[in-house]
Amino acid sequence: MSGNIRLLSDTLAAAKAEGRAALIAYLPAGFPTVDGGIAAIKAAFDGGADVVEVGLPHSDPVLDGPVIQTADDIALRGGVKIADVMRTVRETHAATGKPVLVMTYWNPIDRYGVERFTAELAEAGGAGCILPDLPVQEAGLWREHAEKHGLATVFVVAPSSKDARLAEITKVGTGFVYAASLMGVTGTRESVGAQAQDLVERTRATTDTPVCVGLGVSDARQAAEVARFADGVIVGSAFVKRMLDAPDDAAGVEAVRALAADLAKGVRGQA
């Protein structure tokens, strides 16, 4: 294990050693602007996030709900490019020393070039990539270059995943396993539900890799609920919504910091 994938693994292990789940925040690059997105990610870390996923805005984010779609649209209309995503990773990692991943659909990487993307992400200090729409059986080229550059390859599992499929995915994934708490798109939910706990238990039966749960967590109470059975709690739409609802960019950054602090209490059982 080399590079920032080790930092990611060490961060998740440190949270476990403290008897808690890690807090993983998601924020899109370029939203509301490139500089504004960087400020928001730094605020998430400052508030208590252990890891941040930087979203690569996409014109057809099929797995994302309306909140993240809105943010992606703002970023794309602002002209965000992959170079801006790399800058976001570089500056937030350099400022905090903490693990920063990119979450992206496969098409932008395929168009950009796998070798170029992985080399630039590693050079920027990125810890790896979450690839929600890349099937494991088609991931050979990506995995080859990710491994060469010391990047984690995080695959997504869902409640519909059969046990044999879970084993196939966890055999080749690295960093952590992203367990989608329910079927459907991203967004906040009233309840994260029992499906998530069952999925974590079935996934853990196939691997020692940490299992982190996303989709639906929006407040400290839900974070505490998920933290009781998962290695990490992933929150995205709730952060983005706070920024969308803020009267200005500075207030949005402060709202991100406040939510991260609240969620950090949740994963520590202090909510």
C-alpha atoms as a PDB file:
ATOM      1  CA  MET A   1       0.000   0.000   0.000  1.00  0.00           C
ATOM      2  CA  SER A   2       1.415   3.365  -0.953  1.00  0.00           C
ATOM      3  CA  GLY A   3       0.570   7.028  -1.355  1.00  0.00           C
ATOM      4  CA  ASN A   4      -2.638   8.489  -0.072  1.00  0.00           C
ATOM      5  CA  ILE A   5      -4.537   5.211  -0.107  1.00  0.00           C
ATOM      6  CA  ARG A   6      -2.547   4.505   3.071  1.00  0.00           C
ATOM      7  CA  LEU A   7      -3.691   7.819   4.506  1.00  0.00           C
ATOM      8  CA  LEU A   8      -7.293   6.828   3.784  1.00  0.00           C
ATOM      9  CA  SER A   9      -6.860   3.409   5.404  1.00  0.00           C
ATOM     10  CA  ASP A  10      -5.065   4.890   8.411  1.00  0.00           C
ATOM     11  CA  THR A  11      -7.807   7.503   8.853  1.00  0.00           C
ATOM     12  CA  LEU A  12     -10.555   4.881   8.852  1.00  0.00           C
ATOM     13  CA  ALA A  13      -8.522   2.687  11.227  1.00  0.00           C
ATOM     14  CA  ALA A  14      -7.953   5.617  13.592  1.00  0.00           C
ATOM     15  CA  ALA A  15     -11.687   6.290  13.786  1.00  0.00           C
ATOM     16  CA  LYS A  16     -12.299   2.613  14.539  1.00  0.00           C
ATOM     17  CA  ALA A  17      -9.628   2.708  17.256  1.00  0.00           C
ATOM     18  CA  GLU A  18     -11.552   5.593  18.832  1.00  0.00           C
ATOM     19  CA  GLY A  19     -14.639   3.378  18.900  1.00  0.00           C
ATOM     20  CA  ARG A  20     -16.545   5.395  16.314  1.00  0.00           C
ATOM     21  CA  ALA A  21     -17.436   5.555  12.654  1.00  0.00           C
ATOM     22  CA  ALA A  22     -15.628   7.935  10.309  1.00  0.00           C
ATOM     23  CA  LEU A  23     -17.505  10.935   8.928  1.00  0.00           C
ATOM     24  CA  ILE A  24     -17.234  11.200   5.135  1.00  0.00           C
ATOM     25  CA  ALA A  25     -18.558  14.330   3.443  1.00  0.00           C
ATOM     26  CA  TYR A  26     -19.419  14.735  -0.240  1.00  0.00           C
ATOM     27  CA  LEU A  27     -19.278  18.087  -2.025  1.00  0.00           C
ATOM     28  CA  PRO A  28     -19.131  18.751  -5.769  1.00  0.00           C
ATOM     29  CA  ALA A  29     -16.162  20.585  -7.289  1.00  0.00           C
ATOM     30  CA  GLY A  30     -17.005  23.944  -8.822  1.00  0.00           C
ATOM     31  CA  PHE A  31     -20.052  24.564  -6.645  1.00  0.00           C
ATOM     32  CA  PRO A  32     -20.966  27.335  -6.202  1.00  0.00           C
ATOM     33  CA  THR A  33     -17.638  28.262  -7.833  1.00  0.00           C
ATOM     34  CA  VAL A  34     -14.271  26.492  -7.874  1.00  0.00           C
ATOM     35  CA  ASP A  35     -12.948  28.692  -5.051  1.00  0.00           C
ATOM     36  CA  GLY A  36     -16.263  28.411  -3.203  1.00  0.00           C
ATOM     37  CA  GLY A  37     -16.175  24.626  -3.449  1.00  0.00           C
ATOM     38  CA  ILE A  38     -12.632  24.531  -2.072  1.00  0.00           C
ATOM     39  CA  ALA A  39     -13.687  26.749   0.844  1.00  0.00           C
ATOM     40  CA  ALA A  40     -16.671  24.489   1.558  1.00  0.00           C
ATOM     41  CA  ILE A  41     -14.522  21.337   1.617  1.00  0.00           C
ATOM     42  CA  LYS A  42     -12.032  22.953   3.978  1.00  0.00           C
ATOM     43  CA  ALA A  43     -14.991  23.926   6.184  1.00  0.00           C
ATOM     44  CA  ALA A  44     -16.267  20.347   6.192  1.00  0.00           C
ATOM     45  CA  PHE A  45     -12.882  19.141   7.399  1.00  0.00           C
ATOM     46  CA  ASP A  46     -12.708  21.979   9.924  1.00  0.00           C
ATOM     47  CA  GLY A  47     -16.125  20.977  11.260  1.00  0.00           C
ATOM     48  CA  GLY A  48     -15.089  17.380  11.831  1.00  0.00           C
ATOM     49  CA  ALA A  49     -15.197  15.382   8.579  1.00  0.00           C
ATOM     50  CA  ASP A  50     -12.497  12.712   8.435  1.00  0.00           C
ATOM     51  CA  VAL A  51     -12.623  12.188   4.666  1.00  0.00           C
ATOM     52  CA  VAL A  52     -14.124  14.187   1.792  1.00  0.00           C
ATOM     53  CA  GLU A  53     -15.405  12.961  -1.552  1.00  0.00           C
ATOM     54  CA  VAL A  54     -15.111  15.582  -4.286  1.00  0.00           C
ATOM     55  CA  GLY A  55     -17.841  15.151  -6.863  1.00  0.00           C
ATOM     56  CA  LEU A  56     -16.904  15.498 -10.531  1.00  0.00           C
ATOM     57  CA  PRO A  57     -19.958  17.290 -11.966  1.00  0.00           C
ATOM     58  CA  HIS A  58     -21.668  15.374 -14.758  1.00  0.00           C
ATOM     59  CA  SER A  59     -24.423  16.319 -17.176  1.00  0.00           C
ATOM     60  CA  ASP A  60     -26.305  13.060 -16.586  1.00  0.00           C
ATOM     61  CA  PRO A  61     -25.802  12.068 -12.936  1.00  0.00           C
ATOM     62  CA  VAL A  62     -28.196   9.110 -13.039  1.00  0.00           C
ATOM     63  CA  LEU A  63     -27.630   8.041  -9.429  1.00  0.00           C
ATOM     64  CA  ASP A  64     -27.940  11.532  -7.962  1.00  0.00           C
ATOM     65  CA  GLY A  65     -31.127  13.157  -6.769  1.00  0.00           C
ATOM     66  CA  PRO A  66     -32.369  16.690  -7.494  1.00  0.00           C
ATOM     67  CA  VAL A  67     -30.215  18.454  -4.879  1.00  0.00           C
ATOM     68  CA  ILE A  68     -26.881  17.216  -6.255  1.00  0.00           C
ATOM     69  CA  GLN A  69     -28.163  17.522  -9.823  1.00  0.00           C
ATOM     70  CA  THR A  70     -28.848  21.204  -9.142  1.00  0.00           C
ATOM     71  CA  ALA A  71     -25.338  21.743  -7.774  1.00  0.00           C
ATOM     72  CA  ASP A  72     -23.794  19.876 -10.716  1.00  0.00           C
ATOM     73  CA  ASP A  73     -25.746  22.064 -13.120  1.00  0.00           C
ATOM     74  CA  ILE A  74     -24.488  25.229 -11.403  1.00  0.00           C
ATOM     75  CA  ALA A  75     -20.910  23.943 -11.573  1.00  0.00           C
ATOM     76  CA  LEU A  76     -21.168  22.942 -15.230  1.00  0.00           C
ATOM     77  CA  ARG A  77     -22.743  26.260 -16.208  1.00  0.00           C
ATOM     78  CA  GLY A  78     -19.819  27.885 -14.392  1.00  0.00           C
ATOM     79  CA  GLY A  79     -17.476  26.035 -16.749  1.00  0.00           C
ATOM     80  CA  VAL A  80     -15.947  23.528 -14.309  1.00  0.00           C
ATOM     81  CA  LYS A  81     -13.410  21.188 -15.917  1.00  0.00           C
ATOM     82  CA  ILE A  82     -11.480  18.130 -14.748  1.00  0.00           C
ATOM     83  CA  ALA A  83      -8.496  20.429 -14.161  1.00  0.00           C
ATOM     84  CA  ASP A  84     -10.646  22.286 -11.614  1.00  0.00           C
ATOM     85  CA  VAL A  85     -11.507  18.994  -9.902  1.00  0.00           C
ATOM     86  CA  MET A  86      -7.790  18.182  -9.635  1.00  0.00           C
ATOM     87  CA  ARG A  87      -7.102  21.667  -8.270  1.00  0.00           C
ATOM     88  CA  THR A  88      -9.853  21.162  -5.695  1.00  0.00           C
ATOM     89  CA  VAL A  89      -8.285  17.874  -4.575  1.00  0.00           C
ATOM     90  CA  ARG A  90      -4.787  19.363  -4.507  1.00  0.00           C
ATOM     91  CA  GLU A  91      -5.643  22.465  -2.508  1.00  0.00           C
ATOM     92  CA  THR A  92      -7.925  20.803   0.031  1.00  0.00           C
ATOM     93  CA  HIS A  93      -5.520  17.937   0.675  1.00  0.00           C
ATOM     94  CA  ALA A  94      -2.532  20.274   0.925  1.00  0.00           C
ATOM     95  CA  ALA A  95      -4.378  22.554   3.355  1.00  0.00           C
ATOM     96  CA  THR A  96      -5.665  19.792   5.633  1.00  0.00           C
ATOM     97  CA  GLY A  97      -3.413  16.758   5.165  1.00  0.00           C
ATOM     98  CA  LYS A  98      -6.564  14.643   5.133  1.00  0.00           C
ATOM     99  CA  PRO A  99      -7.807  12.066   2.594  1.00  0.00           C
ATOM    100  CA  VAL A 100      -9.660  13.418  -0.421  1.00  0.00           C
ATOM    101  CA  LEU A 101     -11.262  11.134  -3.006  1.00  0.00           C
ATOM    102  CA  VAL A 102     -13.044  11.864  -6.266  1.00  0.00           C
ATOM    103  CA  MET A 103     -16.520  10.497  -6.907  1.00  0.00           C
ATOM    104  CA  THR A 104     -17.261  10.289 -10.604  1.00  0.00           C
ATOM    105  CA  TYR A 105     -19.151   8.459 -13.284  1.00  0.00           C
ATOM    106  CA  TRP A 106     -17.011   6.477 -15.680  1.00  0.00           C
ATOM    107  CA  ASN A 107     -17.676   8.399 -18.882  1.00  0.00           C
ATOM    108  CA  PRO A 108     -15.645  11.534 -18.006  1.00  0.00           C
ATOM    109  CA  ILE A 109     -12.611   9.389 -17.077  1.00  0.00           C
ATOM    110  CA  ASP A 110     -12.940   7.319 -20.237  1.00  0.00           C
ATOM    111  CA  ARG A 111     -12.995  10.470 -22.361  1.00  0.00           C
ATOM    112  CA  TYR A 112     -10.139  12.110 -20.456  1.00  0.00           C
ATOM    113  CA  GLY A 113      -7.931   9.007 -20.526  1.00  0.00           C
ATOM    114  CA  VAL A 114      -7.472   6.562 -17.660  1.00  0.00           C
ATOM    115  CA  GLU A 115      -3.696   6.902 -17.428  1.00  0.00           C
ATOM    116  CA  ARG A 116      -3.870  10.703 -17.531  1.00  0.00           C
ATOM    117  CA  PHE A 117      -6.661  10.858 -14.937  1.00  0.00           C
ATOM    118  CA  THR A 118      -5.014   8.486 -12.447  1.00  0.00           C
ATOM    119  CA  ALA A 119      -1.589  10.100 -12.817  1.00  0.00           C
ATOM    120  CA  GLU A 120      -3.014  13.594 -12.257  1.00  0.00           C
ATOM    121  CA  LEU A 121      -5.167  12.493  -9.314  1.00  0.00           C
ATOM    122  CA  ALA A 122      -2.188  10.865  -7.606  1.00  0.00           C
ATOM    123  CA  GLU A 123      -0.021  13.925  -8.271  1.00  0.00           C
ATOM    124  CA  ALA A 124      -2.740  16.116  -6.719  1.00  0.00           C
ATOM    125  CA  GLY A 125      -2.623  14.025  -3.544  1.00  0.00           C
ATOM    126  CA  GLY A 126      -5.911  12.231  -4.144  1.00  0.00           C
ATOM    127  CA  ALA A 127      -6.567   9.056  -2.179  1.00  0.00           C
ATOM    128  CA  GLY A 128      -8.622   7.332  -4.867  1.00  0.00           C
ATOM    129  CA  CYS A 129     -11.908   7.226  -6.710  1.00  0.00           C
ATOM    130  CA  ILE A 130     -15.481   6.126  -6.072  1.00  0.00           C
ATOM    131  CA  LEU A 131     -16.937   4.779  -9.304  1.00  0.00           C
ATOM    132  CA  PRO A 132     -20.667   4.123  -8.867  1.00  0.00           C
ATOM    133  CA  ASP A 133     -21.414   3.055 -12.441  1.00  0.00           C
ATOM    134  CA  LEU A 134     -18.281   1.062 -13.333  1.00  0.00           C
ATOM    135  CA  PRO A 135     -19.031  -2.683 -13.267  1.00  0.00           C
ATOM    136  CA  VAL A 136     -16.325  -4.758 -11.586  1.00  0.00           C
ATOM    137  CA  GLN A 137     -15.951  -7.000 -14.639  1.00  0.00           C
ATOM    138  CA  GLU A 138     -15.170  -3.946 -16.786  1.00  0.00           C
ATOM    139  CA  ALA A 139     -12.819  -2.294 -14.294  1.00  0.00           C
ATOM    140  CA  GLY A 140      -9.552  -3.991 -15.249  1.00  0.00           C
ATOM    141  CA  LEU A 141      -7.995  -1.003 -17.029  1.00  0.00           C
ATOM    142  CA  TRP A 142      -8.949   1.386 -14.248  1.00  0.00           C
ATOM    143  CA  ARG A 143      -7.683  -0.939 -11.510  1.00  0.00           C
ATOM    144  CA  GLU A 144      -4.365  -1.449 -13.297  1.00  0.00           C
ATOM    145  CA  HIS A 145      -3.656   2.288 -13.435  1.00  0.00           C
ATOM    146  CA  ALA A 146      -5.104   3.017  -9.985  1.00  0.00           C
ATOM    147  CA  GLU A 147      -2.861   0.393  -8.430  1.00  0.00           C
ATOM    148  CA  LYS A 148       0.170   1.761 -10.293  1.00  0.00           C
ATOM    149  CA  HIS A 149      -0.464   5.207  -8.827  1.00  0.00           C
ATOM    150  CA  GLY A 150      -1.424   4.094  -5.309  1.00  0.00           C
ATOM    151  CA  LEU A 151      -5.109   5.037  -5.589  1.00  0.00           C
ATOM    152  CA  ALA A 152      -8.050   3.358  -3.878  1.00  0.00           C
ATOM    153  CA  THR A 153     -10.814   1.918  -6.057  1.00  0.00           C
ATOM    154  CA  VAL A 154     -14.099   2.182  -4.173  1.00  0.00           C
ATOM    155  CA  PHE A 155     -17.032   0.252  -5.606  1.00  0.00           C
ATOM    156  CA  VAL A 156     -20.673   0.689  -4.640  1.00  0.00           C
ATOM    157  CA  VAL A 157     -22.871  -2.137  -3.351  1.00  0.00           C
ATOM    158  CA  ALA A 158     -26.641  -1.952  -2.934  1.00  0.00           C
ATOM    159  CA  PRO A 159     -29.355  -3.835  -1.031  1.00  0.00           C
ATOM    160  CA  SER A 160     -30.164  -5.670  -4.263  1.00  0.00           C
ATOM    161  CA  SER A 161     -26.612  -7.072  -4.501  1.00  0.00           C
ATOM    162  CA  LYS A 162     -26.608 -10.841  -4.042  1.00  0.00           C
ATOM    163  CA  ASP A 163     -24.022 -12.382  -1.697  1.00  0.00           C
ATOM    164  CA  ALA A 164     -21.967 -13.812  -4.568  1.00  0.00           C
ATOM    165  CA  ARG A 165     -21.926 -10.396  -6.220  1.00  0.00           C
ATOM    166  CA  LEU A 166     -20.833  -8.748  -2.975  1.00  0.00           C
ATOM    167  CA  ALA A 167     -17.895 -11.157  -2.752  1.00  0.00           C
ATOM    168  CA  GLU A 168     -16.931 -10.413  -6.357  1.00  0.00           C
ATOM    169  CA  ILE A 169     -16.957  -6.660  -5.682  1.00  0.00           C
ATOM    170  CA  THR A 170     -15.166  -6.706  -2.334  1.00  0.00           C
ATOM    171  CA  LYS A 171     -12.444  -9.008  -3.646  1.00  0.00           C
ATOM    172  CA  VAL A 172     -11.121  -6.249  -5.917  1.00  0.00           C
ATOM    173  CA  GLY A 173     -12.246  -3.008  -4.233  1.00  0.00           C
ATOM    174  CA  THR A 174      -9.799  -1.080  -2.041  1.00  0.00           C
ATOM    175  CA  GLY A 175     -10.002   1.718   0.532  1.00  0.00           C
ATOM    176  CA  PHE A 176     -13.551   1.058   1.632  1.00  0.00           C
ATOM    177  CA  VAL A 177     -16.803  -0.340   0.308  1.00  0.00           C
ATOM    178  CA  TYR A 178     -19.540   2.223  -0.392  1.00  0.00           C
ATOM    179  CA  ALA A 179     -22.802   0.654   0.784  1.00  0.00           C
ATOM    180  CA  ALA A 180     -25.827   2.432  -0.683  1.00  0.00           C
ATOM    181  CA  SER A 181     -28.382   2.310   2.128  1.00  0.00           C
ATOM    182  CA  LEU A 182     -31.360   1.896  -0.179  1.00  0.00           C
ATOM    183  CA  MET A 183     -32.365   1.558  -3.776  1.00  0.00           C
ATOM    184  CA  GLY A 184     -32.779   4.830  -5.648  1.00  0.00           C
ATOM    185  CA  VAL A 185     -30.949   8.118  -6.047  1.00  0.00           C
ATOM    186  CA  THR A 186     -29.075  10.264  -3.535  1.00  0.00           C
ATOM    187  CA  GLY A 187     -31.031  12.533  -1.231  1.00  0.00           C
ATOM    188  CA  THR A 188     -31.999  12.969   2.383  1.00  0.00           C
ATOM    189  CA  ARG A 189     -34.494  10.528   3.909  1.00  0.00           C
ATOM    190  CA  GLU A 190     -36.592  10.418   7.061  1.00  0.00           C
ATOM    191  CA  SER A 191     -35.113   7.038   7.910  1.00  0.00           C
ATOM    192  CA  VAL A 192     -32.056   5.212   6.651  1.00  0.00           C
ATOM    193  CA  GLY A 193     -33.738   1.901   7.408  1.00  0.00           C
ATOM    194  CA  ALA A 194     -32.874  -1.675   8.280  1.00  0.00           C
ATOM    195  CA  GLN A 195     -31.798  -2.448   4.708  1.00  0.00           C
ATOM    196  CA  ALA A 196     -28.529  -0.626   5.337  1.00  0.00           C
ATOM    197  CA  GLN A 197     -27.618  -2.670   8.405  1.00  0.00           C
ATOM    198  CA  ASP A 198     -28.393  -5.928   6.609  1.00  0.00           C
ATOM    199  CA  LEU A 199     -26.250  -4.847   3.654  1.00  0.00           C
ATOM    200  CA  VAL A 200     -23.330  -3.947   5.920  1.00  0.00           C
ATOM    201  CA  GLU A 201     -23.519  -7.313   7.668  1.00  0.00           C
ATOM    202  CA  ARG A 202     -23.658  -9.214   4.374  1.00  0.00           C
ATOM    203  CA  THR A 203     -20.777  -7.167   2.952  1.00  0.00           C
ATOM    204  CA  ARG A 204     -18.632  -7.649   6.054  1.00  0.00           C
ATOM    205  CA  ALA A 205     -19.062 -11.401   5.695  1.00  0.00           C
ATOM    206  CA  THR A 206     -17.017 -11.153   2.479  1.00  0.00           C
ATOM    207  CA  THR A 207     -14.229  -8.714   3.428  1.00  0.00           C
ATOM    208  CA  ASP A 208     -12.175  -6.998   6.132  1.00  0.00           C
ATOM    209  CA  THR A 209     -12.294  -3.738   4.141  1.00  0.00           C
ATOM    210  CA  PRO A 210     -14.232  -0.992   5.974  1.00  0.00           C
ATOM    211  CA  VAL A 211     -17.877  -0.636   4.936  1.00  0.00           C
ATOM    212  CA  CYS A 212     -19.225   2.924   4.804  1.00  0.00           C
ATOM    213  CA  VAL A 213     -22.894   3.784   4.339  1.00  0.00           C
ATOM    214  CA  GLY A 214     -24.258   6.583   2.170  1.00  0.00           C
ATOM    215  CA  LEU A 215     -27.581   7.800   0.764  1.00  0.00           C
ATOM    216  CA  GLY A 216     -30.105   9.323   3.110  1.00  0.00           C
ATOM    217  CA  VAL A 217     -28.157  10.546   6.148  1.00  0.00           C
ATOM    218  CA  SER A 218     -28.898  14.201   6.854  1.00  0.00           C
ATOM    219  CA  ASP A 219     -28.578  14.886  10.595  1.00  0.00           C
ATOM    220  CA  ALA A 220     -26.753  13.858  13.750  1.00  0.00           C
ATOM    221  CA  ARG A 221     -29.491  11.447  14.831  1.00  0.00           C
ATOM    222  CA  GLN A 222     -29.317   9.494  11.579  1.00  0.00           C
ATOM    223  CA  ALA A 223     -25.506   9.640  11.628  1.00  0.00           C
ATOM    224  CA  ALA A 224     -25.538   8.117  15.112  1.00  0.00           C
ATOM    225  CA  GLU A 225     -27.953   5.404  13.945  1.00  0.00           C
ATOM    226  CA  VAL A 226     -25.732   4.396  11.019  1.00  0.00           C
ATOM    227  CA  ALA A 227     -22.522   4.740  13.058  1.00  0.00           C
ATOM    228  CA  ARG A 228     -23.703   1.937  15.324  1.00  0.00           C
ATOM    229  CA  PHE A 229     -23.237  -0.620  12.548  1.00  0.00           C
ATOM    230  CA  ALA A 230     -21.049   0.943   9.828  1.00  0.00           C
ATOM    231  CA  ASP A 231     -17.365   1.893   9.662  1.00  0.00           C
ATOM    232  CA  GLY A 232     -18.167   5.220   8.050  1.00  0.00           C
ATOM    233  CA  VAL A 233     -21.135   7.527   7.531  1.00  0.00           C
ATOM    234  CA  ILE A 234     -21.303   9.293   4.148  1.00  0.00           C
ATOM    235  CA  VAL A 235     -23.274  12.529   3.842  1.00  0.00           C
ATOM    236  CA  GLY A 236     -23.719  14.459   0.600  1.00  0.00           C
ATOM    237  CA  SER A 237     -27.120  15.925  -0.231  1.00  0.00           C
ATOM    238  CA  ALA A 238     -27.539  17.464   3.228  1.00  0.00           C
ATOM    239  CA  PHE A 239     -24.313  19.481   2.793  1.00  0.00           C
ATOM    240  CA  VAL A 240     -25.251  20.560  -0.715  1.00  0.00           C
ATOM    241  CA  LYS A 241     -28.764  21.577   0.394  1.00  0.00           C
ATOM    242  CA  ARG A 242     -27.349  23.758   3.168  1.00  0.00           C
ATOM    243  CA  MET A 243     -25.270  25.570   0.550  1.00  0.00           C
ATOM    244  CA  LEU A 244     -28.171  25.904  -1.898  1.00  0.00           C
ATOM    245  CA  ASP A 245     -30.378  27.331   0.866  1.00  0.00           C
ATOM    246  CA  ALA A 246     -27.768  29.815   2.126  1.00  0.00           C
ATOM    247  CA  PRO A 247     -28.273  33.517   1.323  1.00  0.00           C
ATOM    248  CA  ASP A 248     -24.692  33.861   0.048  1.00  0.00           C
ATOM    249  CA  ASP A 249     -21.522  31.828  -0.475  1.00  0.00           C
ATOM    250  CA  ALA A 250     -19.957  32.784   2.864  1.00  0.00           C
ATOM    251  CA  ALA A 251     -23.077  31.693   4.729  1.00  0.00           C
ATOM    252  CA  GLY A 252     -23.038  28.450   2.754  1.00  0.00           C
ATOM    253  CA  VAL A 253     -19.499  27.694   3.883  1.00  0.00           C
ATOM    254  CA  GLU A 254     -20.452  28.354   7.510  1.00  0.00           C
ATOM    255  CA  ALA A 255     -23.520  26.111   7.123  1.00  0.00           C
ATOM    256  CA  VAL A 256     -21.259  23.293   5.909  1.00  0.00           C
ATOM    257  CA  ARG A 257     -18.951  23.744   8.884  1.00  0.00           C
ATOM    258  CA  ALA A 258     -21.897  23.697  11.308  1.00  0.00           C
ATOM    259  CA  LEU A 259     -23.451  20.584   9.763  1.00  0.00           C
ATOM    260  CA  ALA A 260     -20.097  18.768   9.821  1.00  0.00           C
ATOM    261  CA  ALA A 261     -19.729  19.597  13.513  1.00  0.00           C
ATOM    262  CA  ASP A 262     -23.234  18.309  14.211  1.00  0.00           C
ATOM    263  CA  LEU A 263     -22.664  15.094  12.253  1.00  0.00           C
ATOM    264  CA  ALA A 264     -19.280  14.619  13.932  1.00  0.00           C
ATOM    265  CA  LYS A 265     -21.095  14.537  17.277  1.00  0.00           C
ATOM    266  CA  GLY A 266     -23.481  11.971  15.798  1.00  0.00           C
ATOM    267  CA  VAL A 267     -20.767   9.539  14.715  1.00  0.00           C
ATOM    268  CA  ARG A 268     -19.245   9.875  18.187  1.00  0.00           C
ATOM    269  CA  GLY A 269     -22.555   9.056  19.891  1.00  0.00           C
ATOM    270  CA  GLN A 270     -22.805  12.582  21.343  1.00  0.00           C
ATOM    271  CA  ALA A 271     -25.946  13.642  19.444  1.00  0.00           C
END
